[in-house]
Amino acid sequence: MSKTIGLFSNIKGDLFGGVTAGIVALPLALAFGEQTELGAIAGLYGAIALGFFAAIFGGTKTQISGPTAPMTVVSAVLISGAITKAGSLEAAFPIIVASFILAGILQALLGIMKLGKYIKYIPYPVVSGFMSGIGIIIIITQIFPFFGVSSPEGGAFGTIANVHKIPEIINYYSVGIAVVTIGIIYLLPIITKKIPASLIALVLVSIAAYFLFPADLFLRINSNGPIPNGLPKLHLNFIPIFKNWNIMIQIFEYSATLAALGAIDSLLTSVVADNITKTKHNSDKELIGQGIGNIAAGFIGGLPGAGATMRTVININSGGKTKLSGIAASLLLAAILLGLGNVVGYIPNAVLAGILITVGIGIIDYKGIRHIKSIPRADAVVMIIVLSLTVFVDLLYAVAAGMVLSSLLFMIKAANIVEENSTAESLSKLNDEGIWKDEKNLKSIIGDKVYIKHIDGPLFFGMVSGFNAMIKSIPNVDIVVIRMDKVPYVDQSGLYAMEDALLDLKQRNFQIAFVGIYGQTKDMFEKIDIIPDLISRELCFSNIDECENWLKDNIENTNKQ
């Protein structure tokens, strides 16, 4: 268990971490806001309100929250649909605000009902396909802004259907601005990583465009002019919407999508934060905090969001350890809004398009795509289906279809395994001392220099969280032996969980060996190079007797040294 850390126990580190994360959040918040019809200011409002309240009430001390790519994509669809039905943004605004607030309420209810722990059962192919689909959507929807014109209606489909019009309407100045923006974001980290590349691109390219281009040309690169300066207004005209059941039913689907998506996004980031800080977040408390934050963001017309992985990692690496870091990031954005609101509105849309394109490229799961021929075929099919449904149909349907399909395919596989093994002789059972009977000759070194980890059953998405917890509980020894005798099957989630576990153990300077790995499990480990890159073939033993001989030789050599 980690120590309880007070809010003001790490003031210097928290302030530096929060300010750094806030600086990184600024261009992203503006870019995400600009992707919707509410404009850049909505992204900034959302980052301020959500970041502040989620930090105070959430269950992850180092989490930095704000608008994220997945949440923005869903919000943009919701906003566009509401405007189409209502006829104008002004008429649709109460419905939009009500949807965002309802999403926050539903998210908080997930935490109150203690459902946060079930997020861990989402299979990796579903997460991979979904995140890659989000990345592709962002890239596609920024094609027209990249060329200097507004995106057509219809999301990814609408963009693809109208892409042939680009040569007729292209604005070469905007293209140049976007290309320079993207270039800075990718090239600056080669020189230095101390300054956020996206922020430098935002500032330098915007200033250059403002001073180098004539006024009439500057307007042609889609700058929106000054954004509201000062504190945001409190919007209460949405209240009658909650009394209209017909409208509530219509917006419930999108609100539920935002709530579920925000929960997944936030808790995945919380897991990342746990891995870095070696702490344990409170899933249910985190959902309540995110819900309160999204409710607050809705009240001031801000975009909903979630825990942001990149900003959270930057906060931790910059010294953030407590909730004060998240509060500091939010207050910095509020100070920027109060002091520079009339300046940030002159940022060209092409700059924001360039930033968003790099965000889209960054969240595509290249690891999952690279292994698509190596992972179990069922997982590959699920990933492709989820990705396709995310891009071309609906995000919620994509996740639901992926979950159902993954569960069905696993049940079929599990049934086949049970049938195949129904007549097989069982392996040695555990004795009263927690070791297998065939390990009795190792009693003298188990628990002193050697730790034996038994894995019993398929290594699949349903047991990944428990597996990770077991790995973290391994005590400080010289050698860890992982017995795979009873692992008949591994899926993509299990593969990556094992890969992460081995990397963590190696960072702790443990020597690792496998015993009894065979069949499909061994094939999968070899296909993605867990064997031999992480565990050499010489350390993959067929049985415990072979491993015993190696252990005795290894320990004897260690003692002589």
Protein backbone atom coordinates (compact mmCIF):
# COMPACT_ATOMS: atom_id res chain seq x y z
CA MET A 1 0.00 0.00 0.00
CA SER A 2 1.23 3.48 -0.80
CA LYS A 3 1.59 6.21 1.82
CA THR A 4 -1.09 8.82 2.17
CA ILE A 5 0.24 12.00 0.60
CA GLY A 6 -1.18 15.34 1.75
CA LEU A 7 -2.37 18.01 -0.67
CA PHE A 8 0.48 20.39 0.19
CA SER A 9 3.22 17.80 0.78
CA ASN A 10 4.80 18.33 -2.64
CA ILE A 11 4.05 21.96 -3.47
CA LYS A 12 7.04 22.65 -5.72
CA GLY A 13 6.71 19.43 -7.72
CA ASP A 14 2.93 19.74 -8.02
CA LEU A 15 3.05 23.35 -9.18
CA PHE A 16 5.73 22.60 -11.76
CA GLY A 17 3.96 19.45 -12.95
CA GLY A 18 0.57 21.17 -13.11
CA VAL A 19 1.88 24.25 -14.93
CA THR A 20 3.72 22.06 -17.46
CA ALA A 21 0.62 19.92 -18.06
CA GLY A 22 -1.51 23.07 -18.34
CA ILE A 23 0.80 24.51 -21.00
CA VAL A 24 0.50 21.26 -22.97
CA ALA A 25 -3.29 21.26 -22.48
CA LEU A 26 -3.80 24.77 -23.90
CA PRO A 27 -3.31 24.07 -27.63
CA LEU A 28 -5.14 20.75 -27.35
CA ALA A 29 -8.13 22.32 -25.58
CA LEU A 30 -8.38 25.02 -28.25
CA ALA A 31 -7.98 22.48 -31.05
CA PHE A 32 -10.60 20.11 -29.63
CA GLY A 33 -13.02 22.99 -29.16
CA GLU A 34 -12.48 24.17 -32.73
CA GLN A 35 -13.34 20.68 -33.97
CA THR A 36 -16.92 21.28 -32.80
CA GLU A 37 -19.33 24.03 -33.72
CA LEU A 38 -19.05 25.50 -30.22
CA GLY A 39 -15.60 26.84 -31.11
CA ALA A 40 -12.20 26.91 -29.43
CA ILE A 41 -13.51 28.61 -26.29
CA ALA A 42 -15.67 25.56 -25.43
CA GLY A 43 -12.54 23.40 -25.29
CA LEU A 44 -10.85 25.87 -22.94
CA TYR A 45 -13.94 26.11 -20.72
CA GLY A 46 -14.13 22.32 -20.53
CA ALA A 47 -10.43 21.97 -19.65
CA ILE A 48 -10.75 24.52 -16.84
CA ALA A 49 -13.94 23.21 -15.22
CA LEU A 50 -13.34 19.49 -15.67
CA GLY A 51 -9.67 19.73 -14.76
CA PHE A 52 -10.44 21.59 -11.52
CA PHE A 53 -13.35 19.52 -10.18
CA ALA A 54 -12.04 16.13 -11.34
CA ALA A 55 -8.77 16.87 -9.53
CA ILE A 56 -10.58 17.74 -6.30
CA PHE A 57 -13.15 14.93 -6.27
CA GLY A 58 -11.42 12.25 -8.36
CA GLY A 59 -9.67 9.10 -7.22
CA THR A 60 -6.36 9.45 -9.09
CA LYS A 61 -4.03 11.96 -7.45
CA THR A 62 -1.96 12.76 -10.53
CA GLN A 63 -4.74 12.75 -13.14
CA ILE A 64 -4.97 15.74 -15.50
CA SER A 65 -8.43 15.93 -17.07
CA GLY A 66 -9.86 17.85 -19.99
CA PRO A 67 -11.33 17.40 -23.46
CA THR A 68 -9.88 14.31 -25.16
CA ALA A 69 -9.96 13.07 -28.73
CA PRO A 70 -12.60 10.33 -28.25
CA MET A 71 -14.89 12.58 -26.19
CA THR A 72 -14.55 15.41 -28.70
CA VAL A 73 -15.49 13.17 -31.63
CA VAL A 74 -18.72 12.11 -29.90
CA SER A 75 -19.43 15.67 -28.75
CA ALA A 76 -19.00 16.98 -32.30
CA VAL A 77 -21.54 14.46 -33.62
CA LEU A 78 -23.97 15.34 -30.81
CA ILE A 79 -23.61 19.09 -31.40
CA SER A 80 -23.98 18.76 -35.17
CA GLY A 81 -27.11 16.60 -34.81
CA ALA A 82 -28.70 18.97 -32.30
CA ILE A 83 -28.08 21.97 -34.57
CA THR A 84 -29.56 20.13 -37.55
CA LYS A 85 -32.75 19.34 -35.62
CA ALA A 86 -33.08 22.73 -33.91
CA GLY A 87 -32.12 24.82 -36.94
CA SER A 88 -29.39 26.93 -35.31
CA LEU A 89 -26.70 26.78 -32.68
CA GLU A 90 -28.61 29.22 -30.48
CA ALA A 91 -31.73 27.07 -30.52
CA ALA A 92 -29.76 23.85 -30.00
CA PHE A 93 -27.55 25.17 -27.21
CA PRO A 94 -29.88 24.26 -24.28
CA ILE A 95 -30.13 20.70 -25.64
CA ILE A 96 -26.35 20.48 -26.01
CA VAL A 97 -25.78 21.71 -22.45
CA ALA A 98 -28.41 19.30 -21.09
CA SER A 99 -26.70 16.41 -22.91
CA PHE A 100 -23.31 17.25 -21.45
CA ILE A 101 -24.70 17.65 -17.93
CA LEU A 102 -26.66 14.38 -18.22
CA ALA A 103 -23.46 12.64 -19.33
CA GLY A 104 -21.75 13.90 -16.17
CA ILE A 105 -24.66 12.74 -14.01
CA LEU A 106 -24.58 9.25 -15.58
CA GLN A 107 -20.82 9.08 -15.11
CA ALA A 108 -21.09 10.00 -11.44
CA LEU A 109 -23.83 7.38 -11.03
CA LEU A 110 -21.47 4.73 -12.43
CA GLY A 111 -19.11 5.58 -9.60
CA ILE A 112 -21.82 5.76 -6.95
CA MET A 113 -23.04 2.29 -8.02
CA LYS A 114 -19.41 1.07 -7.79
CA LEU A 115 -19.24 -0.08 -11.40
CA GLY A 116 -15.77 1.32 -12.03
CA LYS A 117 -14.07 -2.02 -11.37
CA TYR A 118 -15.79 -3.61 -14.36
CA ILE A 119 -14.00 -1.37 -16.85
CA LYS A 120 -10.99 -3.69 -16.53
CA TYR A 121 -12.88 -6.43 -18.38
CA ILE A 122 -12.76 -4.60 -21.73
CA PRO A 123 -10.67 -6.75 -24.12
CA TYR A 124 -7.59 -5.22 -25.69
CA PRO A 125 -8.85 -5.68 -29.30
CA VAL A 126 -11.90 -3.57 -28.44
CA VAL A 127 -9.80 -0.78 -26.94
CA SER A 128 -7.28 -1.02 -29.78
CA GLY A 129 -9.87 -0.92 -32.56
CA PHE A 130 -11.75 1.88 -30.85
CA MET A 131 -8.71 4.11 -30.27
CA SER A 132 -7.39 3.53 -33.79
CA GLY A 133 -10.84 4.35 -35.16
CA ILE A 134 -10.91 7.59 -33.18
CA GLY A 135 -7.50 8.51 -34.54
CA ILE A 136 -8.63 7.87 -38.10
CA ILE A 137 -11.81 9.92 -37.58
CA ILE A 138 -9.77 12.89 -36.33
CA ILE A 139 -7.38 12.72 -39.28
CA ILE A 140 -10.20 12.42 -41.82
CA THR A 141 -12.27 15.25 -40.34
CA GLN A 142 -9.24 17.57 -40.37
CA ILE A 143 -8.52 17.09 -44.09
CA PHE A 144 -10.67 20.05 -45.15
CA PRO A 145 -9.38 22.42 -42.39
CA PHE A 146 -5.85 21.38 -43.41
CA PHE A 147 -6.61 22.71 -46.89
CA GLY A 148 -8.16 25.89 -45.51
CA VAL A 149 -11.90 25.25 -45.67
CA SER A 150 -14.59 24.11 -43.26
CA SER A 151 -15.36 20.40 -43.00
CA PRO A 152 -18.53 19.21 -44.77
CA GLU A 153 -21.35 17.72 -42.73
CA GLY A 154 -21.56 13.99 -42.20
CA GLY A 155 -18.32 13.31 -40.33
CA ALA A 156 -15.91 10.83 -41.90
CA PHE A 157 -18.44 9.79 -44.56
CA GLY A 158 -19.15 13.40 -45.48
CA THR A 159 -15.45 14.21 -45.79
CA ILE A 160 -14.71 11.17 -47.95
CA ALA A 161 -17.72 11.87 -50.17
CA ASN A 162 -16.62 15.47 -50.79
CA VAL A 163 -12.84 15.06 -50.93
CA HIS A 164 -12.91 15.44 -54.74
CA LYS A 165 -13.85 19.12 -54.26
CA ILE A 166 -10.60 20.02 -52.49
CA PRO A 167 -8.59 20.99 -55.64
CA GLU A 168 -11.24 23.62 -56.44
CA ILE A 169 -11.31 25.24 -52.99
CA ILE A 170 -7.80 24.69 -51.62
CA ASN A 171 -6.15 27.57 -49.71
CA TYR A 172 -2.39 27.18 -50.13
CA TYR A 173 -1.62 29.58 -47.28
CA SER A 174 -3.53 27.33 -44.88
CA VAL A 175 -1.74 24.27 -46.24
CA GLY A 176 1.60 25.94 -45.59
CA ILE A 177 0.58 26.89 -42.05
CA ALA A 178 -0.61 23.35 -41.28
CA VAL A 179 2.52 21.74 -42.74
CA VAL A 180 4.82 24.04 -40.73
CA THR A 181 2.78 23.30 -37.58
CA ILE A 182 3.07 19.54 -38.07
CA GLY A 183 6.77 19.89 -38.89
CA ILE A 184 7.50 21.76 -35.66
CA ILE A 185 5.57 19.22 -33.57
CA TYR A 186 7.56 16.30 -34.96
CA LEU A 187 10.98 17.94 -35.35
CA LEU A 188 11.28 20.03 -32.17
CA PRO A 189 11.48 16.99 -29.81
CA ILE A 190 14.62 15.92 -31.70
CA ILE A 191 16.27 19.14 -30.50
CA THR A 192 14.67 19.44 -27.06
CA LYS A 193 11.84 17.83 -25.10
CA LYS A 194 11.82 20.42 -22.32
CA ILE A 195 9.30 22.63 -24.15
CA PRO A 196 5.95 21.22 -25.41
CA ALA A 197 6.22 21.09 -29.20
CA SER A 198 2.51 21.69 -29.78
CA LEU A 199 2.64 24.90 -27.71
CA ILE A 200 5.68 26.21 -29.60
CA ALA A 201 3.96 25.43 -32.91
CA LEU A 202 0.79 27.18 -31.75
CA VAL A 203 2.60 30.34 -30.65
CA LEU A 204 5.26 30.69 -33.35
CA VAL A 205 3.09 29.88 -36.37
CA SER A 206 0.18 32.04 -35.14
CA ILE A 207 2.47 35.03 -34.52
CA ALA A 208 4.16 34.59 -37.89
CA ALA A 209 0.81 34.42 -39.69
CA TYR A 210 -0.53 37.47 -37.87
CA PHE A 211 2.45 39.72 -38.59
CA LEU A 212 3.54 38.43 -42.00
CA PHE A 213 0.15 38.16 -43.71
CA PRO A 214 -1.94 41.21 -44.73
CA ALA A 215 -5.19 41.64 -42.82
CA ASP A 216 -7.40 40.43 -45.66
CA LEU A 217 -5.23 37.36 -46.19
CA PHE A 218 -5.16 36.63 -42.47
CA LEU A 219 -8.95 36.43 -42.49
CA ARG A 220 -8.79 33.97 -45.38
CA ILE A 221 -6.87 31.45 -43.25
CA ASN A 222 -9.95 30.98 -41.10
CA SER A 223 -8.99 32.83 -37.95
CA ASN A 224 -12.11 33.33 -35.86
CA GLY A 225 -11.06 36.59 -34.23
CA PRO A 226 -11.06 37.23 -30.47
CA ILE A 227 -12.81 34.77 -28.18
CA PRO A 228 -14.74 35.84 -25.08
CA ASN A 229 -12.49 37.30 -22.39
CA GLY A 230 -13.21 36.91 -18.69
CA LEU A 231 -15.19 34.39 -16.68
CA PRO A 232 -17.71 32.23 -18.58
CA LYS A 233 -21.44 32.66 -18.11
CA LEU A 234 -23.49 30.16 -16.15
CA HIS A 235 -26.06 28.53 -18.46
CA LEU A 236 -29.35 27.60 -16.80
CA ASN A 237 -31.70 27.71 -19.79
CA PHE A 238 -31.30 23.95 -20.21
CA ILE A 239 -33.48 23.19 -17.17
CA PRO A 240 -36.79 22.95 -19.12
CA ILE A 241 -35.14 20.24 -21.28
CA PHE A 242 -35.08 17.90 -18.28
CA LYS A 243 -38.87 18.18 -18.06
CA ASN A 244 -39.36 17.15 -21.69
CA TRP A 245 -39.21 13.35 -21.82
CA ASN A 246 -39.25 13.21 -25.61
CA ILE A 247 -36.09 15.30 -25.88
CA MET A 248 -34.50 13.50 -22.94
CA ILE A 249 -34.97 10.14 -24.65
CA GLN A 250 -33.40 11.54 -27.82
CA ILE A 251 -30.30 12.86 -26.06
CA PHE A 252 -29.93 9.90 -23.69
CA GLU A 253 -28.06 7.76 -26.22
CA TYR A 254 -25.36 10.36 -26.77
CA SER A 255 -25.16 11.20 -23.08
CA ALA A 256 -24.76 7.51 -22.24
CA THR A 257 -22.06 7.20 -24.92
CA LEU A 258 -20.17 10.15 -23.47
CA ALA A 259 -20.51 8.78 -19.92
CA ALA A 260 -19.28 5.30 -20.87
CA LEU A 261 -16.53 6.62 -23.10
CA GLY A 262 -15.36 9.10 -20.48
CA ALA A 263 -15.29 6.32 -17.88
CA ILE A 264 -13.18 4.06 -20.09
CA ASP A 265 -10.87 6.88 -21.15
CA SER A 266 -10.34 8.11 -17.58
CA LEU A 267 -9.81 4.74 -15.94
CA LEU A 268 -7.36 3.60 -18.60
CA THR A 269 -5.38 6.76 -17.88
CA SER A 270 -5.64 6.02 -14.15
CA VAL A 271 -4.08 2.60 -14.76
CA VAL A 272 -1.23 4.26 -16.66
CA ALA A 273 -0.72 6.68 -13.75
CA ASP A 274 -0.69 3.76 -11.29
CA ASN A 275 1.98 1.96 -13.29
CA ILE A 276 4.25 5.02 -13.28
CA THR A 277 3.73 6.12 -9.68
CA LYS A 278 3.36 2.61 -8.17
CA THR A 279 0.15 3.71 -6.46
CA LYS A 280 -3.46 2.51 -6.62
CA HIS A 281 -6.32 4.72 -7.79
CA ASN A 282 -9.93 4.52 -6.61
CA SER A 283 -11.98 3.71 -9.74
CA ASP A 284 -15.38 4.60 -8.32
CA LYS A 285 -14.18 7.85 -6.79
CA GLU A 286 -12.51 8.74 -10.09
CA LEU A 287 -15.80 8.27 -11.96
CA ILE A 288 -17.62 10.46 -9.45
CA GLY A 289 -14.96 13.15 -9.83
CA GLN A 290 -15.08 12.98 -13.63
CA GLY A 291 -18.89 13.17 -13.50
CA ILE A 292 -18.86 16.25 -11.27
CA GLY A 293 -16.27 17.84 -13.54
CA ASN A 294 -18.31 17.22 -16.68
CA ILE A 295 -21.43 18.58 -14.99
CA ALA A 296 -19.51 21.75 -14.10
CA ALA A 297 -18.17 22.01 -17.66
CA GLY A 298 -21.69 21.68 -19.04
CA PHE A 299 -22.97 24.51 -16.85
CA ILE A 300 -20.52 26.95 -18.46
CA GLY A 301 -20.86 25.62 -22.01
CA GLY A 302 -17.59 23.68 -22.01
CA LEU A 303 -16.85 20.42 -23.79
CA PRO A 304 -16.99 17.24 -21.72
CA GLY A 305 -13.79 15.28 -21.36
CA ALA A 306 -11.91 12.66 -19.40
CA GLY A 307 -8.56 11.85 -17.88
CA ALA A 308 -5.94 12.68 -20.51
CA THR A 309 -3.11 10.16 -20.73
CA MET A 310 -0.42 12.35 -22.28
CA ARG A 311 -1.08 15.30 -19.96
CA THR A 312 -1.16 13.00 -16.92
CA VAL A 313 2.16 11.38 -17.83
CA ILE A 314 3.72 14.82 -18.39
CA ASN A 315 2.45 15.95 -14.99
CA ILE A 316 3.97 12.93 -13.24
CA ASN A 317 7.29 13.20 -15.09
CA SER A 318 7.45 16.91 -14.20
CA GLY A 319 7.08 16.24 -10.47
CA GLY A 320 3.30 16.09 -9.84
CA LYS A 321 2.28 13.74 -7.03
CA THR A 322 -0.95 15.07 -5.50
CA LYS A 323 -4.27 16.58 -6.55
CA LEU A 324 -2.72 20.02 -6.29
CA SER A 325 -1.06 19.40 -9.67
CA GLY A 326 -4.42 18.98 -11.42
CA ILE A 327 -5.78 22.08 -9.67
CA ALA A 328 -2.70 24.05 -10.74
CA ALA A 329 -3.12 23.02 -14.40
CA SER A 330 -6.74 24.19 -14.36
CA LEU A 331 -5.95 27.51 -12.67
CA LEU A 332 -3.21 28.21 -15.20
CA LEU A 333 -5.70 27.79 -18.05
CA ALA A 334 -8.16 30.06 -16.22
CA ALA A 335 -5.43 32.73 -15.87
CA ILE A 336 -4.67 32.45 -19.60
CA LEU A 337 -8.36 32.84 -20.39
CA LEU A 338 -8.69 35.92 -18.19
CA GLY A 339 -5.55 37.59 -19.54
CA LEU A 340 -5.21 36.46 -23.14
CA GLY A 341 -8.72 35.63 -24.32
CA ASN A 342 -8.62 38.35 -26.97
CA VAL A 343 -5.29 37.00 -28.26
CA VAL A 344 -5.85 33.24 -28.54
CA GLY A 345 -8.85 33.82 -30.76
CA TYR A 346 -6.54 34.87 -33.59
CA ILE A 347 -5.00 31.42 -33.89
CA PRO A 348 -5.49 30.21 -37.51
CA ASN A 349 -7.68 27.13 -37.89
CA ALA A 350 -4.93 25.51 -39.95
CA VAL A 351 -2.66 25.56 -36.88
CA LEU A 352 -5.31 23.76 -34.85
CA ALA A 353 -5.88 21.32 -37.73
CA GLY A 354 -2.16 20.54 -37.76
CA ILE A 355 -2.18 19.90 -34.01
CA LEU A 356 -5.24 17.65 -34.27
CA ILE A 357 -3.76 15.63 -37.13
CA THR A 358 -0.73 14.85 -34.97
CA VAL A 359 -3.07 13.90 -32.11
CA GLY A 360 -4.98 11.56 -34.44
CA ILE A 361 -1.75 9.99 -35.67
CA GLY A 362 -0.55 9.61 -32.09
CA ILE A 363 -3.53 7.69 -30.70
CA ILE A 364 -3.68 5.04 -33.43
CA ASP A 365 -2.61 1.73 -31.90
CA TYR A 366 0.31 0.85 -34.15
CA LYS A 367 1.36 -1.97 -31.84
CA GLY A 368 -1.98 -3.73 -32.26
CA ILE A 369 -2.04 -3.12 -36.01
CA ARG A 370 1.56 -4.32 -36.39
CA HIS A 371 0.70 -7.60 -34.66
CA ILE A 372 -2.59 -8.15 -36.49
CA LYS A 373 -1.17 -11.17 -38.39
CA SER A 374 0.40 -12.61 -35.25
CA ILE A 375 -2.38 -12.36 -32.67
CA PRO A 376 -5.23 -14.91 -32.49
CA ARG A 377 -7.44 -14.59 -35.55
CA ALA A 378 -10.55 -13.98 -33.42
CA ASP A 379 -8.89 -10.96 -31.77
CA ALA A 380 -7.81 -9.61 -35.16
CA VAL A 381 -11.39 -9.90 -36.45
CA VAL A 382 -12.77 -8.11 -33.38
CA MET A 383 -10.22 -5.30 -33.75
CA ILE A 384 -11.05 -4.75 -37.44
CA ILE A 385 -14.82 -4.81 -36.80
CA VAL A 386 -14.58 -2.35 -33.90
CA LEU A 387 -12.32 -0.04 -35.92
CA SER A 388 -14.68 -0.10 -38.91
CA LEU A 389 -17.81 0.47 -36.82
CA THR A 390 -16.10 3.32 -34.95
CA VAL A 391 -15.18 5.16 -38.14
CA PHE A 392 -18.25 4.52 -40.26
CA VAL A 393 -21.18 3.69 -37.94
CA ASP A 394 -21.26 4.67 -34.26
CA LEU A 395 -18.79 4.64 -31.38
CA LEU A 396 -21.14 3.10 -28.81
CA TYR A 397 -22.26 0.39 -31.23
CA ALA A 398 -18.60 -0.33 -31.97
CA VAL A 399 -17.72 -0.92 -28.31
CA ALA A 400 -20.91 -2.91 -27.65
CA ALA A 401 -20.38 -5.10 -30.71
CA GLY A 402 -16.75 -5.66 -29.77
CA MET A 403 -17.63 -6.68 -26.20
CA VAL A 404 -20.36 -9.08 -27.30
CA LEU A 405 -18.24 -10.62 -30.05
CA SER A 406 -15.17 -10.98 -27.79
CA SER A 407 -17.23 -12.67 -25.08
CA LEU A 408 -18.89 -15.01 -27.58
CA LEU A 409 -15.61 -16.00 -29.22
CA PHE A 410 -13.97 -16.59 -25.85
CA MET A 411 -16.85 -18.79 -24.67
CA ILE A 412 -16.52 -20.88 -27.83
CA LYS A 413 -12.76 -21.18 -27.34
CA ALA A 414 -13.13 -22.02 -23.65
CA ALA A 415 -15.71 -24.71 -24.45
CA ASN A 416 -13.33 -26.25 -26.99
CA ILE A 417 -10.49 -26.22 -24.46
CA VAL A 418 -12.65 -27.93 -21.82
CA GLU A 419 -13.71 -30.56 -24.36
CA GLU A 420 -10.12 -31.18 -25.49
CA ASN A 421 -8.85 -31.50 -21.93
CA SER A 422 -11.80 -33.39 -20.42
CA THR A 423 -10.00 -36.73 -20.52
CA ALA A 424 -6.49 -35.40 -19.90
CA GLU A 425 -4.64 -36.26 -16.71
CA SER A 426 -4.57 -33.28 -14.34
CA LEU A 427 -1.28 -31.69 -13.34
CA SER A 428 0.16 -31.85 -9.85
CA LYS A 429 -2.05 -30.06 -7.35
CA LEU A 430 -0.95 -27.45 -4.88
CA ASN A 431 0.07 -28.73 -1.48
CA ASP A 432 -0.68 -26.99 1.79
CA GLU A 433 2.42 -24.80 1.52
CA GLY A 434 1.31 -23.18 -1.75
CA ILE A 435 3.75 -25.00 -4.07
CA TRP A 436 3.07 -27.79 -6.53
CA LYS A 437 4.02 -31.30 -5.45
CA ASP A 438 6.62 -31.62 -8.20
CA GLU A 439 8.39 -28.58 -6.72
CA LYS A 440 9.17 -30.20 -3.36
CA ASN A 441 12.88 -30.41 -4.17
CA LEU A 442 12.94 -26.61 -4.49
CA LYS A 443 11.60 -25.88 -1.00
CA SER A 444 15.00 -24.80 0.25
CA ILE A 445 15.30 -21.92 -2.22
CA ILE A 446 11.66 -20.93 -2.87
CA GLY A 447 10.90 -17.69 -1.05
CA ASP A 448 14.57 -16.90 -0.51
CA LYS A 449 16.15 -16.50 -3.93
CA VAL A 450 13.44 -17.96 -6.16
CA TYR A 451 9.75 -17.11 -6.50
CA ILE A 452 7.46 -19.45 -8.47
CA LYS A 453 4.36 -17.88 -10.01
CA HIS A 454 1.63 -20.35 -11.00
CA ILE A 455 -0.86 -19.36 -13.73
CA ASP A 456 -3.92 -21.55 -13.82
CA GLY A 457 -6.22 -21.26 -16.84
CA PRO A 458 -6.42 -19.15 -20.01
CA LEU A 459 -4.58 -15.84 -20.00
CA PHE A 460 -7.39 -13.69 -21.40
CA PHE A 461 -8.97 -10.25 -21.04
CA GLY A 462 -11.12 -11.24 -18.06
CA MET A 463 -8.17 -11.98 -15.81
CA VAL A 464 -5.68 -9.32 -16.97
CA SER A 465 -6.32 -6.96 -14.05
CA GLY A 466 -5.90 -9.73 -11.48
CA PHE A 467 -2.79 -10.97 -13.27
CA ASN A 468 -1.23 -7.49 -13.16
CA ALA A 469 -1.94 -7.28 -9.42
CA MET A 470 -0.33 -10.69 -8.87
CA ILE A 471 2.81 -9.65 -10.74
CA LYS A 472 3.15 -6.48 -8.68
CA SER A 473 2.92 -8.55 -5.49
CA ILE A 474 6.02 -10.61 -6.33
CA PRO A 475 8.59 -10.07 -3.54
CA ASN A 476 12.23 -9.09 -4.04
CA VAL A 477 14.06 -12.26 -5.08
CA ASP A 478 16.77 -13.11 -7.61
CA ILE A 479 14.77 -15.35 -9.95
CA VAL A 480 11.10 -15.55 -10.93
CA VAL A 481 9.84 -18.80 -12.47
CA ILE A 482 6.48 -18.51 -14.25
CA ARG A 483 4.74 -21.86 -14.62
CA MET A 484 2.57 -22.00 -17.73
CA ASP A 485 1.64 -25.72 -17.55
CA LYS A 486 -2.05 -24.91 -17.09
CA VAL A 487 -2.32 -22.10 -19.66
CA PRO A 488 -3.96 -23.64 -22.74
CA TYR A 489 -4.81 -20.37 -24.49
CA VAL A 490 -3.82 -16.71 -24.57
CA ASP A 491 -5.59 -13.81 -26.30
CA GLN A 492 -4.28 -10.39 -27.31
CA SER A 493 -5.08 -8.84 -23.92
CA GLY A 494 -3.19 -11.66 -22.20
CA LEU A 495 -0.24 -11.34 -24.57
CA TYR A 496 0.24 -7.65 -23.87
CA ALA A 497 -0.38 -8.13 -20.14
CA MET A 498 2.41 -10.71 -20.03
CA GLU A 499 4.68 -8.47 -22.12
CA ASP A 500 4.13 -5.53 -19.73
CA ALA A 501 4.64 -7.80 -16.72
CA LEU A 502 7.95 -9.13 -18.04
CA LEU A 503 9.20 -5.62 -18.80
CA ASP A 504 8.27 -4.56 -15.26
CA LEU A 505 10.04 -7.56 -13.74
CA LYS A 506 13.14 -6.90 -15.82
CA GLN A 507 13.17 -3.28 -14.64
CA ARG A 508 13.26 -4.72 -11.12
CA ASN A 509 16.35 -6.73 -12.17
CA PHE A 510 14.74 -10.15 -11.80
CA GLN A 511 15.92 -13.10 -13.88
CA ILE A 512 12.87 -14.80 -15.41
CA ALA A 513 12.21 -18.31 -16.68
CA PHE A 514 9.16 -20.07 -18.16
CA VAL A 515 8.18 -23.65 -17.33
CA GLY A 516 5.65 -25.71 -19.28
CA ILE A 517 4.77 -23.23 -22.02
CA TYR A 518 3.30 -25.10 -24.98
CA GLY A 519 0.82 -25.11 -27.86
CA GLN A 520 -1.06 -21.96 -28.83
CA THR A 521 0.39 -19.99 -25.93
CA LYS A 522 3.97 -20.66 -27.00
CA ASP A 523 3.12 -19.93 -30.65
CA MET A 524 1.63 -16.54 -29.75
CA PHE A 525 4.57 -15.60 -27.51
CA GLU A 526 6.94 -16.39 -30.36
CA LYS A 527 4.91 -14.51 -32.97
CA ILE A 528 5.12 -11.21 -31.10
CA ASP A 529 8.70 -11.93 -29.95
CA ILE A 530 8.13 -12.27 -26.22
CA ILE A 531 10.19 -15.36 -26.94
CA PRO A 532 13.14 -14.83 -27.53
CA ASP A 533 13.34 -11.01 -27.07
CA LEU A 534 12.19 -10.93 -23.44
CA ILE A 535 12.69 -14.58 -22.44
CA SER A 536 15.40 -16.51 -24.30
CA ARG A 537 14.58 -19.99 -25.57
CA GLU A 538 17.22 -21.39 -23.16
CA LEU A 539 15.04 -20.16 -20.27
CA CYS A 540 11.86 -21.86 -21.54
CA PHE A 541 11.87 -25.25 -19.84
CA SER A 542 9.59 -28.15 -20.73
CA ASN A 543 9.20 -29.28 -17.12
CA ILE A 544 10.15 -28.35 -13.59
CA ASP A 545 12.99 -30.90 -13.46
CA GLU A 546 14.86 -29.11 -16.26
CA CYS A 547 14.27 -25.80 -14.52
CA GLU A 548 15.43 -27.26 -11.19
CA ASN A 549 18.81 -28.23 -12.64
CA TRP A 550 19.24 -24.75 -14.13
CA LEU A 551 18.24 -23.09 -10.88
CA LYS A 552 20.77 -25.05 -8.83
CA ASP A 553 23.59 -24.25 -11.25
CA ASN A 554 22.58 -20.60 -11.43
CA ILE A 555 22.36 -20.17 -7.66
CA GLU A 556 25.64 -21.97 -7.10
CA ASN A 557 27.38 -19.65 -9.56
CA THR A 558 25.79 -16.65 -7.86
CA ASN A 559 26.99 -17.82 -4.45
CA LYS A 560 30.56 -18.31 -5.74
CA GLN A 561 30.56 -14.75 -7.03
